[in-house]
C-alpha atoms as a PDB file:
ATOM      1  CA  MET A   1       0.042  -0.031  -0.011  1.00  0.00           C
ATOM      2  CA  THR A   2       1.343   3.364  -0.931  1.00  0.00           C
ATOM      3  CA  PHE A   3       1.762   6.232   1.475  1.00  0.00           C
ATOM      4  CA  LYS A   4      -1.029   8.130  -0.301  1.00  0.00           C
ATOM      5  CA  LYS A   5      -3.483   5.270   0.139  1.00  0.00           C
ATOM      6  CA  LEU A   6      -2.480   4.726   3.752  1.00  0.00           C
ATOM      7  CA  PHE A   7      -3.212   8.403   4.390  1.00  0.00           C
ATOM      8  CA  LEU A   8      -6.610   8.219   2.715  1.00  0.00           C
ATOM      9  CA  VAL A   9      -7.571   5.150   4.946  1.00  0.00           C
ATOM     10  CA  LEU A  10      -6.479   6.812   8.113  1.00  0.00           C
ATOM     11  CA  SER A  11      -8.421   9.977   7.226  1.00  0.00           C
ATOM     12  CA  LEU A  12     -11.467   7.939   6.575  1.00  0.00           C
ATOM     13  CA  VAL A  13     -11.118   6.111   9.917  1.00  0.00           C
ATOM     14  CA  LEU A  14     -10.757   9.407  11.752  1.00  0.00           C
ATOM     15  CA  ALA A  15     -13.757  10.901   9.953  1.00  0.00           C
ATOM     16  CA  LEU A  16     -16.010   7.975  10.880  1.00  0.00           C
ATOM     17  CA  ALA A  17     -14.877   8.128  14.546  1.00  0.00           C
ATOM     18  CA  SER A  18     -15.509  11.945  14.735  1.00  0.00           C
ATOM     19  CA  PHE A  19     -18.891  11.413  13.179  1.00  0.00           C
ATOM     20  CA  ALA A  20     -19.765   8.733  15.758  1.00  0.00           C
ATOM     21  CA  TRP A  21     -18.673  10.949  18.620  1.00  0.00           C
ATOM     22  CA  ALA A  22     -20.590  13.925  17.331  1.00  0.00           C
ATOM     23  CA  LYS A  23     -23.745  11.832  16.996  1.00  0.00           C
ATOM     24  CA  GLU A  24     -23.376  10.460  20.506  1.00  0.00           C
ATOM     25  CA  GLN A  25     -23.022  14.015  21.720  1.00  0.00           C
ATOM     26  CA  LEU A  26     -26.132  15.084  19.902  1.00  0.00           C
ATOM     27  CA  SER A  27     -28.012  12.219  21.392  1.00  0.00           C
ATOM     28  CA  ASN A  28     -26.922  13.179  24.915  1.00  0.00           C
ATOM     29  CA  GLU A  29     -28.041  16.694  24.544  1.00  0.00           C
ATOM     30  CA  SER A  30     -31.479  17.487  25.806  1.00  0.00           C
ATOM     31  CA  ASP A  31     -34.243  19.169  23.783  1.00  0.00           C
ATOM     32  CA  GLN A  32     -34.661  21.696  26.658  1.00  0.00           C
ATOM     33  CA  GLN A  33     -33.127  22.553  29.962  1.00  0.00           C
ATOM     34  CA  ILE A  34     -35.219  24.250  32.693  1.00  0.00           C
ATOM     35  CA  SER A  35     -35.082  24.910  36.314  1.00  0.00           C
ATOM     36  CA  ASP A  36     -37.645  24.375  39.024  1.00  0.00           C
ATOM     37  CA  PHE A  37     -39.486  21.643  36.970  1.00  0.00           C
ATOM     38  CA  SER A  38     -42.848  20.261  38.252  1.00  0.00           C
ATOM     39  CA  LEU A  39     -45.607  17.853  37.154  1.00  0.00           C
ATOM     40  CA  SER A  40     -48.910  17.012  38.775  1.00  0.00           C
ATOM     41  CA  GLY A  41     -51.740  14.511  38.243  1.00  0.00           C
ATOM     42  CA  PHE A  42     -55.371  14.805  39.237  1.00  0.00           C
ATOM     43  CA  GLY A  43     -58.073  12.135  40.034  1.00  0.00           C
ATOM     44  CA  GLU A  44     -61.718  12.287  40.503  1.00  0.00           C
ATOM     45  CA  LYS A  45     -63.327  15.480  41.304  1.00  0.00           C
ATOM     46  CA  GLY A  46     -60.146  17.357  40.446  1.00  0.00           C
ATOM     47  CA  ARG A  47     -58.306  16.288  43.506  1.00  0.00           C
ATOM     48  CA  LYS A  48     -54.637  16.192  43.138  1.00  0.00           C
ATOM     49  CA  SER A  49     -53.371  12.470  43.266  1.00  0.00           C
ATOM     50  CA  TRP A  50     -49.583  13.050  42.762  1.00  0.00           C
ATOM     51  CA  ASP A  51     -46.801  15.419  41.928  1.00  0.00           C
ATOM     52  CA  LEU A  52     -43.259  15.458  40.949  1.00  0.00           C
ATOM     53  CA  SER A  53     -40.657  18.276  41.035  1.00  0.00           C
ATOM     54  CA  GLY A  54     -36.974  18.764  40.604  1.00  0.00           C
ATOM     55  CA  LYS A  55     -34.643  21.733  40.895  1.00  0.00           C
ATOM     56  CA  SER A  56     -33.404  21.161  37.281  1.00  0.00           C
ATOM     57  CA  ALA A  57     -34.579  18.991  34.420  1.00  0.00           C
ATOM     58  CA  ASP A  58     -33.156  18.010  30.986  1.00  0.00           C
ATOM     59  CA  ILE A  59     -35.997  17.313  28.781  1.00  0.00           C
ATOM     60  CA  PHE A  60     -35.704  14.617  26.069  1.00  0.00           C
ATOM     61  CA  THR A  61     -38.187  13.218  23.773  1.00  0.00           C
ATOM     62  CA  ASP A  62     -39.371  10.397  26.076  1.00  0.00           C
ATOM     63  CA  ILE A  63     -37.288  10.992  29.189  1.00  0.00           C
ATOM     64  CA  ILE A  64     -36.899  13.792  31.655  1.00  0.00           C
ATOM     65  CA  LYS A  65     -33.756  13.740  33.812  1.00  0.00           C
ATOM     66  CA  LEU A  66     -34.293  15.503  37.074  1.00  0.00           C
ATOM     67  CA  LYS A  67     -32.021  16.608  40.050  1.00  0.00           C
ATOM     68  CA  ASP A  68     -32.940  17.038  43.635  1.00  0.00           C
ATOM     69  CA  ILE A  69     -36.290  15.232  43.205  1.00  0.00           C
ATOM     70  CA  THR A  70     -39.419  15.312  45.341  1.00  0.00           C
ATOM     71  CA  GLY A  71     -42.425  13.283  44.674  1.00  0.00           C
ATOM     72  CA  ASN A  72     -45.689  13.088  46.513  1.00  0.00           C
ATOM     73  CA  LEU A  73     -48.662  10.707  46.462  1.00  0.00           C
ATOM     74  CA  TYR A  74     -51.913  11.940  48.008  1.00  0.00           C
ATOM     75  CA  GLY A  75     -54.190   9.085  49.339  1.00  0.00           C
ATOM     76  CA  GLU A  76     -57.444   9.132  51.079  1.00  0.00           C
ATOM     77  CA  LYS A  77     -55.912   7.910  54.366  1.00  0.00           C
ATOM     78  CA  GLU A  78     -52.265   8.481  53.903  1.00  0.00           C
ATOM     79  CA  ASP A  79     -49.790  10.532  52.045  1.00  0.00           C
ATOM     80  CA  ILE A  80     -46.374   9.406  50.769  1.00  0.00           C
ATOM     81  CA  LYS A  81     -43.369  11.483  50.032  1.00  0.00           C
ATOM     82  CA  LEU A  82     -40.304  10.254  47.857  1.00  0.00           C
ATOM     83  CA  THR A  83     -37.056  12.168  47.628  1.00  0.00           C
ATOM     84  CA  ALA A  84     -33.746  11.575  45.776  1.00  0.00           C
ATOM     85  CA  ASP A  85     -30.635  13.356  44.445  1.00  0.00           C
ATOM     86  CA  LYS A  86     -31.454  12.480  40.807  1.00  0.00           C
ATOM     87  CA  GLY A  87     -33.643  10.345  38.623  1.00  0.00           C
ATOM     88  CA  ASP A  88     -35.503   9.871  35.440  1.00  0.00           C
ATOM     89  CA  PHE A  89     -39.162  10.276  34.480  1.00  0.00           C
ATOM     90  CA  ASP A  90     -40.367   8.205  31.534  1.00  0.00           C
ATOM     91  CA  LYS A  91     -43.189  10.272  29.933  1.00  0.00           C
ATOM     92  CA  THR A  92     -44.604   7.572  27.804  1.00  0.00           C
ATOM     93  CA  LYS A  93     -44.698   4.815  30.603  1.00  0.00           C
ATOM     94  CA  GLY A  94     -45.402   7.040  33.493  1.00  0.00           C
ATOM     95  CA  LYS A  95     -42.508   5.580  35.566  1.00  0.00           C
ATOM     96  CA  VAL A  96     -39.923   7.292  37.696  1.00  0.00           C
ATOM     97  CA  HIS A  97     -36.553   5.852  38.360  1.00  0.00           C
ATOM     98  CA  LEU A  98     -34.729   7.467  41.599  1.00  0.00           C
ATOM     99  CA  GLU A  99     -31.070   7.168  42.554  1.00  0.00           C
ATOM    100  CA  GLN A 100     -28.847   8.227  45.379  1.00  0.00           C
ATOM    101  CA  ASN A 101     -30.164   8.926  48.812  1.00  0.00           C
ATOM    102  CA  VAL A 102     -33.519   7.731  47.950  1.00  0.00           C
ATOM    103  CA  VAL A 103     -36.140   8.107  50.896  1.00  0.00           C
ATOM    104  CA  VAL A 104     -39.759   7.106  51.099  1.00  0.00           C
ATOM    105  CA  THR A 105     -41.758   8.602  53.957  1.00  0.00           C
ATOM    106  CA  THR A 106     -45.274   7.928  54.911  1.00  0.00           C
ATOM    107  CA  SER A 107     -47.616  10.205  56.919  1.00  0.00           C
ATOM    108  CA  SER A 108     -48.070   7.429  59.465  1.00  0.00           C
ATOM    109  CA  GLY A 109     -44.221   7.542  60.305  1.00  0.00           C
ATOM    110  CA  ALA A 110     -42.820   4.640  58.149  1.00  0.00           C
ATOM    111  CA  LYS A 111     -39.571   5.284  56.267  1.00  0.00           C
ATOM    112  CA  LEU A 112     -37.661   3.349  53.542  1.00  0.00           C
ATOM    113  CA  LEU A 113     -34.074   4.288  52.641  1.00  0.00           C
ATOM    114  CA  THR A 114     -32.211   2.774  49.657  1.00  0.00           C
ATOM    115  CA  ASP A 115     -29.757   3.655  46.859  1.00  0.00           C
ATOM    116  CA  SER A 116     -32.193   3.259  43.902  1.00  0.00           C
ATOM    117  CA  LEU A 117     -35.929   2.880  43.413  1.00  0.00           C
ATOM    118  CA  ASP A 118     -38.312   2.335  40.507  1.00  0.00           C
ATOM    119  CA  TRP A 119     -41.649   3.923  41.158  1.00  0.00           C
ATOM    120  CA  ASP A 120     -44.433   2.763  38.691  1.00  0.00           C
ATOM    121  CA  ARG A 121     -46.998   5.645  39.254  1.00  0.00           C
ATOM    122  CA  LYS A 122     -49.822   4.053  37.270  1.00  0.00           C
ATOM    123  CA  ASN A 123     -49.708   0.730  39.211  1.00  0.00           C
ATOM    124  CA  GLN A 124     -48.721   2.149  42.431  1.00  0.00           C
ATOM    125  CA  VAL A 125     -45.732  -0.106  42.947  1.00  0.00           C
ATOM    126  CA  VAL A 126     -42.092   0.594  44.106  1.00  0.00           C
ATOM    127  CA  THR A 127     -39.249  -1.708  43.436  1.00  0.00           C
ATOM    128  CA  THR A 128     -35.503  -1.988  44.059  1.00  0.00           C
ATOM    129  CA  LYS A 129     -32.672  -4.384  43.826  1.00  0.00           C
ATOM    130  CA  ASP A 130     -30.471  -2.665  46.211  1.00  0.00           C
ATOM    131  CA  LYS A 131     -30.325  -2.765  50.112  1.00  0.00           C
ATOM    132  CA  VAL A 132     -33.209  -1.359  51.819  1.00  0.00           C
ATOM    133  CA  ASN A 133     -33.553  -0.025  55.377  1.00  0.00           C
ATOM    134  CA  ILE A 134     -37.173   0.223  56.649  1.00  0.00           C
ATOM    135  CA  GLU A 135     -38.048   2.059  60.050  1.00  0.00           C
ATOM    136  CA  ARG A 136     -41.375   1.787  61.563  1.00  0.00           C
ATOM    137  CA  GLU A 137     -41.881   2.771  65.226  1.00  0.00           C
ATOM    138  CA  ASN A 138     -39.358   0.687  67.057  1.00  0.00           C
ATOM    139  CA  MET A 139     -38.946  -1.881  64.454  1.00  0.00           C
ATOM    140  CA  VAL A 140     -36.099  -1.746  61.914  1.00  0.00           C
ATOM    141  CA  THR A 141     -35.848  -4.082  58.954  1.00  0.00           C
ATOM    142  CA  THR A 142     -32.992  -4.438  56.519  1.00  0.00           C
ATOM    143  CA  ALA A 143     -32.762  -6.610  53.400  1.00  0.00           C
ATOM    144  CA  TYR A 144     -31.674  -6.702  49.712  1.00  0.00           C
ATOM    145  CA  GLY A 145     -34.457  -6.176  47.118  1.00  0.00           C
ATOM    146  CA  ALA A 146     -37.925  -5.048  47.699  1.00  0.00           C
ATOM    147  CA  GLU A 147     -41.278  -4.769  46.023  1.00  0.00           C
ATOM    148  CA  GLY A 148     -44.491  -3.288  47.338  1.00  0.00           C
ATOM    149  CA  HIS A 149     -47.000  -0.480  47.647  1.00  0.00           C
ATOM    150  CA  PRO A 150     -45.488   3.060  48.194  1.00  0.00           C
ATOM    151  CA  ASN A 151     -47.239   3.374  51.423  1.00  0.00           C
ATOM    152  CA  LEU A 152     -45.136   0.369  52.756  1.00  0.00           C
ATOM    153  CA  ASN A 153     -48.394  -1.308  54.081  1.00  0.00           C
ATOM    154  CA  GLN A 154     -47.662  -4.472  51.923  1.00  0.00           C
ATOM    155  CA  ILE A 155     -44.098  -5.093  51.023  1.00  0.00           C
ATOM    156  CA  LYS A 156     -41.961  -8.073  49.952  1.00  0.00           C
ATOM    157  CA  LEU A 157     -38.209  -8.209  50.928  1.00  0.00           C
ATOM    158  CA  GLU A 158     -36.145 -10.665  48.778  1.00  0.00           C
ATOM    159  CA  ARG A 159     -33.094 -11.801  50.736  1.00  0.00           C
ATOM    160  CA  ASP A 160     -30.748 -11.508  53.654  1.00  0.00           C
ATOM    161  CA  VAL A 161     -33.506 -10.173  55.868  1.00  0.00           C
ATOM    162  CA  MET A 162     -32.989  -8.831  59.472  1.00  0.00           C
ATOM    163  CA  VAL A 163     -35.682  -7.403  61.594  1.00  0.00           C
ATOM    164  CA  ARG A 164     -34.734  -5.827  64.936  1.00  0.00           C
ATOM    165  CA  LEU A 165     -37.439  -5.100  67.572  1.00  0.00           C
ATOM    166  CA  ASN A 166     -36.340  -2.983  70.455  1.00  0.00           C
ATOM    167  CA  PRO A 167     -38.036  -2.952  73.860  1.00  0.00           C
ATOM    168  CA  ALA A 168     -40.792  -0.322  74.452  1.00  0.00           C
ATOM    169  CA  ALA A 169     -40.467   2.161  77.193  1.00  0.00           C
ATOM    170  CA  GLU A 170     -42.633   0.142  79.649  1.00  0.00           C
ATOM    171  CA  ASN A 171     -40.560  -3.050  79.026  1.00  0.00           C
ATOM    172  CA  LYS A 172     -37.317  -1.153  80.136  1.00  0.00           C
ATOM    173  CA  LYS A 173     -38.855  -0.829  83.607  1.00  0.00           C
ATOM    174  CA  LYS A 174     -39.432  -4.545  83.958  1.00  0.00           C
ATOM    175  CA  GLU A 175     -37.248  -6.852  85.930  1.00  0.00           C
ATOM    176  CA  ASP A 176     -36.566  -9.058  82.853  1.00  0.00           C
ATOM    177  CA  PRO A 177     -34.087  -7.034  80.691  1.00  0.00           C
ATOM    178  CA  GLN A 178     -34.567  -9.316  77.720  1.00  0.00           C
ATOM    179  CA  ASP A 179     -38.301  -8.770  77.533  1.00  0.00           C
ATOM    180  CA  GLY A 180     -39.198  -7.197  74.114  1.00  0.00           C
ATOM    181  CA  LYS A 181     -35.623  -7.502  72.618  1.00  0.00           C
ATOM    182  CA  THR A 182     -35.949  -9.500  69.506  1.00  0.00           C
ATOM    183  CA  VAL A 183     -33.933 -10.078  66.322  1.00  0.00           C
ATOM    184  CA  ILE A 184     -35.403 -12.089  63.421  1.00  0.00           C
ATOM    185  CA  THR A 185     -33.420 -13.180  60.494  1.00  0.00           C
ATOM    186  CA  CYS A 186     -34.056 -15.336  57.291  1.00  0.00           C
ATOM    187  CA  ASP A 187     -32.660 -15.885  53.918  1.00  0.00           C
ATOM    188  CA  GLY A 188     -35.888 -14.612  52.393  1.00  0.00           C
ATOM    189  CA  PRO A 189     -38.201 -13.616  51.019  1.00  0.00           C
ATOM    190  CA  LEU A 190     -40.112 -11.830  53.849  1.00  0.00           C
ATOM    191  CA  GLU A 191     -43.593 -10.760  53.068  1.00  0.00           C
ATOM    192  CA  ILE A 192     -45.089  -8.065  55.463  1.00  0.00           C
ATOM    193  CA  ASP A 193     -48.877  -7.188  55.424  1.00  0.00           C
ATOM    194  CA  TYR A 194     -49.356  -4.316  57.918  1.00  0.00           C
ATOM    195  CA  ASP A 195     -53.053  -4.264  57.241  1.00  0.00           C
ATOM    196  CA  LYS A 196     -53.313  -7.910  58.374  1.00  0.00           C
ATOM    197  CA  ASN A 197     -50.623  -7.361  61.185  1.00  0.00           C
ATOM    198  CA  VAL A 198     -48.576 -10.497  60.034  1.00  0.00           C
ATOM    199  CA  ALA A 199     -45.090 -10.960  58.646  1.00  0.00           C
ATOM    200  CA  THR A 200     -44.162 -14.266  56.920  1.00  0.00           C
ATOM    201  CA  PHE A 201     -40.419 -15.152  57.060  1.00  0.00           C
ATOM    202  CA  ASN A 202     -39.085 -17.913  54.690  1.00  0.00           C
ATOM    203  CA  SER A 203     -36.000 -20.067  54.702  1.00  0.00           C
ATOM    204  CA  ASN A 204     -33.605 -20.663  57.528  1.00  0.00           C
ATOM    205  CA  VAL A 205     -35.632 -18.434  59.896  1.00  0.00           C
ATOM    206  CA  LYS A 206     -34.176 -17.630  63.311  1.00  0.00           C
ATOM    207  CA  VAL A 207     -35.742 -15.706  66.265  1.00  0.00           C
ATOM    208  CA  ASP A 208     -33.473 -14.561  69.048  1.00  0.00           C
ATOM    209  CA  ARG A 209     -35.250 -13.204  72.127  1.00  0.00           C
ATOM    210  CA  GLY A 210     -32.105 -13.426  74.359  1.00  0.00           C
ATOM    211  CA  ASP A 211     -33.423 -16.231  76.636  1.00  0.00           C
ATOM    212  CA  LEU A 212     -35.114 -18.044  73.783  1.00  0.00           C
ATOM    213  CA  LEU A 213     -33.976 -19.155  70.355  1.00  0.00           C
ATOM    214  CA  ILE A 214     -36.385 -20.516  67.578  1.00  0.00           C
ATOM    215  CA  TYR A 215     -35.374 -21.962  64.216  1.00  0.00           C
ATOM    216  CA  SER A 216     -37.670 -23.128  61.477  1.00  0.00           C
ATOM    217  CA  ASP A 217     -38.199 -23.372  57.648  1.00  0.00           C
ATOM    218  CA  LYS A 218     -40.993 -20.820  57.634  1.00  0.00           C
ATOM    219  CA  MET A 219     -42.457 -18.473  60.193  1.00  0.00           C
ATOM    220  CA  ASP A 220     -45.571 -16.363  60.695  1.00  0.00           C
ATOM    221  CA  VAL A 221     -45.141 -13.560  63.164  1.00  0.00           C
ATOM    222  CA  TYR A 222     -48.334 -11.887  64.272  1.00  0.00           C
ATOM    223  CA  PHE A 223     -48.210  -8.337  65.734  1.00  0.00           C
ATOM    224  CA  ASN A 224     -50.558  -6.417  68.091  1.00  0.00           C
ATOM    225  CA  LYS A 225     -52.357  -3.508  66.469  1.00  0.00           C
ATOM    226  CA  ASP A 226     -51.132  -0.137  67.602  1.00  0.00           C
ATOM    227  CA  LYS A 227     -54.293   1.754  68.336  1.00  0.00           C
ATOM    228  CA  ASN A 228     -52.519   5.096  69.055  1.00  0.00           C
ATOM    229  CA  ALA A 229     -50.783   5.027  65.641  1.00  0.00           C
ATOM    230  CA  GLN A 230     -54.065   3.844  64.062  1.00  0.00           C
ATOM    231  CA  VAL A 231     -55.890   7.006  65.385  1.00  0.00           C
ATOM    232  CA  GLN A 232     -53.096   9.343  64.335  1.00  0.00           C
ATOM    233  CA  ALA A 233     -52.864   8.052  60.874  1.00  0.00           C
ATOM    234  CA  GLY A 234     -56.524   7.840  60.401  1.00  0.00           C
ATOM    235  CA  SER A 235     -56.340   4.281  59.067  1.00  0.00           C
ATOM    236  CA  ASP A 236     -58.502   1.237  59.568  1.00  0.00           C
ATOM    237  CA  GLY A 237     -55.464  -0.787  60.750  1.00  0.00           C
ATOM    238  CA  MET A 238     -52.030  -0.156  61.806  1.00  0.00           C
ATOM    239  CA  MET A 239     -49.549  -2.963  62.647  1.00  0.00           C
ATOM    240  CA  GLY A 240     -47.788  -2.444  65.953  1.00  0.00           C
ATOM    241  CA  THR A 241     -44.214  -3.469  66.675  1.00  0.00           C
ATOM    242  CA  LYS A 242     -45.013  -5.748  69.625  1.00  0.00           C
ATOM    243  CA  ILE A 243     -45.238  -9.474  68.814  1.00  0.00           C
ATOM    244  CA  ASP A 244     -48.466 -11.262  69.743  1.00  0.00           C
ATOM    245  CA  LYS A 245     -47.741 -14.731  68.492  1.00  0.00           C
ATOM    246  CA  ILE A 246     -45.202 -16.674  66.496  1.00  0.00           C
ATOM    247  CA  VAL A 247     -46.128 -19.761  64.486  1.00  0.00           C
ATOM    248  CA  ALA A 248     -43.010 -21.764  63.222  1.00  0.00           C
ATOM    249  CA  HIS A 249     -43.328 -24.298  60.520  1.00  0.00           C
ATOM    250  CA  GLY A 250     -41.076 -27.130  59.359  1.00  0.00           C
ATOM    251  CA  ASN A 251     -37.971 -28.581  61.176  1.00  0.00           C
ATOM    252  CA  VAL A 252     -38.692 -26.455  64.267  1.00  0.00           C
ATOM    253  CA  LYS A 253     -35.901 -26.328  66.898  1.00  0.00           C
ATOM    254  CA  ILE A 254     -36.334 -24.300  70.133  1.00  0.00           C
ATOM    255  CA  MET A 255     -33.644 -23.632  72.652  1.00  0.00           C
ATOM    256  CA  ARG A 256     -34.611 -22.246  76.087  1.00  0.00           C
ATOM    257  CA  GLY A 257     -31.785 -22.350  78.623  1.00  0.00           C
ATOM    258  CA  ASP A 258     -30.275 -25.729  78.637  1.00  0.00           C
ATOM    259  CA  ASN A 259     -33.406 -27.427  77.148  1.00  0.00           C
ATOM    260  CA  THR A 260     -34.055 -28.004  73.435  1.00  0.00           C
ATOM    261  CA  SER A 261     -37.133 -29.172  71.671  1.00  0.00           C
ATOM    262  CA  PHE A 262     -37.856 -30.523  68.164  1.00  0.00           C
ATOM    263  CA  SER A 263     -41.216 -30.586  66.238  1.00  0.00           C
ATOM    264  CA  ASP A 264     -42.933 -30.123  63.072  1.00  0.00           C
ATOM    265  CA  GLU A 265     -44.698 -26.867  64.176  1.00  0.00           C
ATOM    266  CA  ALA A 266     -44.649 -24.704  67.207  1.00  0.00           C
ATOM    267  CA  VAL A 267     -46.808 -21.745  68.515  1.00  0.00           C
ATOM    268  CA  TYR A 268     -45.356 -19.281  70.947  1.00  0.00           C
ATOM    269  CA  THR A 269     -47.478 -16.649  72.460  1.00  0.00           C
ATOM    270  CA  THR A 270     -45.831 -13.728  74.146  1.00  0.00           C
ATOM    271  CA  ALA A 271     -48.607 -12.818  76.611  1.00  0.00           C
ATOM    272  CA  ASP A 272     -48.009 -15.930  78.731  1.00  0.00           C
ATOM    273  CA  LYS A 273     -44.620 -17.028  77.201  1.00  0.00           C
ATOM    274  CA  LYS A 274     -46.132 -20.349  76.432  1.00  0.00           C
ATOM    275  CA  ILE A 275     -44.742 -22.654  73.700  1.00  0.00           C
ATOM    276  CA  THR A 276     -46.956 -25.336  72.195  1.00  0.00           C
ATOM    277  CA  LEU A 277     -45.279 -28.046  70.170  1.00  0.00           C
ATOM    278  CA  LEU A 278     -47.248 -29.780  67.308  1.00  0.00           C
ATOM    279  CA  GLY A 279     -46.313 -32.754  65.111  1.00  0.00           C
ATOM    280  CA  LYS A 280     -44.159 -35.359  66.610  1.00  0.00           C
ATOM    281  CA  PRO A 281     -42.660 -33.122  69.301  1.00  0.00           C
ATOM    282  CA  ARG A 282     -39.423 -34.339  71.296  1.00  0.00           C
ATOM    283  CA  LEU A 283     -38.077 -32.593  74.214  1.00  0.00           C
ATOM    284  CA  VAL A 284     -34.493 -32.824  75.409  1.00  0.00           C
ATOM    285  CA  ILE A 285     -34.078 -31.679  79.106  1.00  0.00           C
ATOM    286  CA  TYR A 286     -30.763 -31.504  80.816  1.00  0.00           C
ATOM    287  CA  SER A 287     -31.023 -32.399  84.430  1.00  0.00           C
ATOM    288  CA  THR A 288     -28.759 -33.552  87.273  1.00  0.00           C
ATOM    289  CA  GLU A 289     -31.330 -36.331  87.794  1.00  0.00           C
ATOM    290  CA  ASP A 290     -31.092 -37.441  84.208  1.00  0.00           C
ATOM    291  CA  LEU A 291     -34.864 -36.955  83.628  1.00  0.00           C
ATOM    292  CA  ASN A 292     -36.311 -37.966  80.201  1.00  0.00           C
ATOM    293  CA  ALA A 293     -39.708 -36.625  79.047  1.00  0.00           C
ATOM    294  CA  SER A 294     -41.875 -37.708  76.105  1.00  0.00           C
ATOM    295  CA  LEU A 295     -44.679 -35.358  74.918  1.00  0.00           C
ATOM    296  CA  GLY A 296     -46.466 -37.595  72.500  1.00  0.00           C
ATOM    297  CA  ASP A 297     -48.096 -35.891  69.567  1.00  0.00           C
ATOM    298  CA  LYS A 298     -48.725 -32.530  71.303  1.00  0.00           C
ATOM    299  CA  GLY A 299     -46.991 -30.684  74.215  1.00  0.00           C
ATOM    300  CA  SER A 300     -46.516 -27.413  75.809  1.00  0.00           C
ATOM    301  CA  LEU A 301     -43.553 -25.814  77.451  1.00  0.00           C
END
């Protein structure tokens, strides 16, 4: 190849590269840039149902890129606020993607924190694959991956779940320092229904109440209704953070002091601290008198 031909080839390559770069730059440029951007939606009787605002916006054909985002959902019984450092609004699908310092706060006091969140405005669903931290009264839940309603009343947490329940003020005055201190972990998923006051833990579930350990394949944890929070929020039902009952299913193992029990199912009620074993229960008691106990098909501790 002559020097002249080589020069022409190199010139052509550089021209194509410059064209590709210029095309990419044009595609990244917004059609319009504005400050203090806001959108609103209205429902029946002209009542505002949602709004979305940002301190700045880059407007493209289908996407609006926002910074310093604030979104609000206005419900009949509860309002929800979403904030993030930045995000995208898909005009055609009505979906919002939030990133960095994402916070969801409900008027009843629940709060969700995560690094990214997708808000499907039309279907009223929020999802994320990142780590989430949910605070509600004196209950703190952490996990990876979540999907649920924006009001956080019904939510599914995918994996590596940990729920921490701290003692209420009245429990701190009691003689038993462990009363009310509970940590529940599972591989996931965890499904929480605050309207029904129940949380269902799945796979390698462990409950640690200090003086009591419960292991099982699956577990339903029932909570007392918080009447005070219910009145303040104006809702029909509000799940409290005090455990009323625990129902463990599958390969149940309970350790209390030096004693260990095994069963197919177990029910633990916090009011009387009573454990009922169901399905081929077996109790191992460590005693200086070498006492052996058999419970038959059903037994209580």
